C-alpha atoms as a PDB file:
ATOM      1  CA  MET A   1     -14.938-134.905-101.169  1.00  0.00           C
ATOM      2  CA  GLN A   2     -14.059-135.831 -97.567  1.00  0.00           C
ATOM      3  CA  TYR A   3     -17.236-133.460 -97.017  1.00  0.00           C
ATOM      4  CA  LEU A   4     -19.671-134.971 -98.409  1.00  0.00           C
ATOM      5  CA  GLU A   5     -18.400-138.419 -96.664  1.00  0.00           C
ATOM      6  CA  LYS A   6     -18.643-136.587 -93.448  1.00  0.00           C
ATOM      7  CA  VAL A   7     -21.800-135.125 -93.841  1.00  0.00           C
ATOM      8  CA  ILE A   8     -23.188-138.757 -95.093  1.00  0.00           C
ATOM      9  CA  ILE A   9     -22.159-140.293 -92.021  1.00  0.00           C
ATOM     10  CA  ILE A  10     -23.631-138.091 -89.359  1.00  0.00           C
ATOM     11  CA  ARG A  11     -26.717-138.260 -91.439  1.00  0.00           C
ATOM     12  CA  ALA A  12     -26.690-142.566 -91.384  1.00  0.00           C
ATOM     13  CA  LEU A  13     -25.445-141.492 -87.349  1.00  0.00           C
ATOM     14  CA  VAL A  14     -28.427-139.756 -86.800  1.00  0.00           C
ATOM     15  CA  HIS A  15     -31.182-142.023 -88.936  1.00  0.00           C
ATOM     16  CA  HIS A  16     -29.527-145.123 -86.160  1.00  0.00           C
ATOM     17  CA  GLU A  17     -29.779-142.870 -82.854  1.00  0.00           C
ATOM     18  CA  GLY A  18     -26.235-142.599 -82.611  1.00  0.00           C
ATOM     19  CA  ASN A  19     -25.485-146.837 -83.097  1.00  0.00           C
ATOM     20  CA  GLN A  20     -22.263-147.000 -85.335  1.00  0.00           C
ATOM     21  CA  LYS A  21     -23.224-150.927 -85.794  1.00  0.00           C
ATOM     22  CA  LYS A  22     -26.730-149.638 -87.756  1.00  0.00           C
ATOM     23  CA  ALA A  23     -24.728-146.648 -89.432  1.00  0.00           C
ATOM     24  CA  ALA A  24     -22.070-148.826 -90.572  1.00  0.00           C
ATOM     25  CA  LYS A  25     -24.383-151.150 -91.876  1.00  0.00           C
ATOM     26  CA  THR A  26     -26.494-148.917 -93.778  1.00  0.00           C
ATOM     27  CA  LEU A  27     -23.546-147.032 -95.438  1.00  0.00           C
ATOM     28  CA  GLY A  28     -21.661-150.646 -96.604  1.00  0.00           C
ATOM     29  CA  LEU A  29     -18.806-150.535 -93.773  1.00  0.00           C
ATOM     30  CA  ASN A  30     -18.010-152.211 -91.165  1.00  0.00           C
ATOM     31  CA  TYR A  31     -17.850-150.774 -87.917  1.00  0.00           C
ATOM     32  CA  THR A  32     -14.100-150.552 -87.604  1.00  0.00           C
ATOM     33  CA  THR A  33     -14.448-147.910 -90.814  1.00  0.00           C
ATOM     34  CA  ILE A  34     -16.736-146.061 -89.693  1.00  0.00           C
ATOM     35  CA  ASN A  35     -15.339-145.898 -86.695  1.00  0.00           C
ATOM     36  CA  GLY A  36     -11.984-144.945 -87.728  1.00  0.00           C
ATOM     37  CA  LYS A  37     -14.059-142.326 -90.055  1.00  0.00           C
ATOM     38  CA  ILE A  38     -15.919-140.931 -87.069  1.00  0.00           C
ATOM     39  CA  LYS A  39     -12.454-140.127 -85.547  1.00  0.00           C
ATOM     40  CA  LYS A  40     -10.762-138.732 -88.639  1.00  0.00           C
ATOM     41  CA  TYR A  41     -13.545-135.902 -88.980  1.00  0.00           C
ATOM     42  CA  LYS A  42     -13.993-135.261 -85.037  1.00  0.00           C
ATOM     43  CA  ILE A  43     -17.452-136.325 -84.848  1.00  0.00           C
ATOM     44  CA  LYS A  44     -19.392-136.710 -81.253  1.00  0.00           C
END
């Protein structure tokens, strides 16, 4: 399940050209949550 979450976050970030706020909004998350998940999954 974590792999899928990571892939979804990466796809949202790619779609929004790395803009975390826009990616978070698309996924229905707040900025703090997506930022924590990016660190958790070591997404660059």
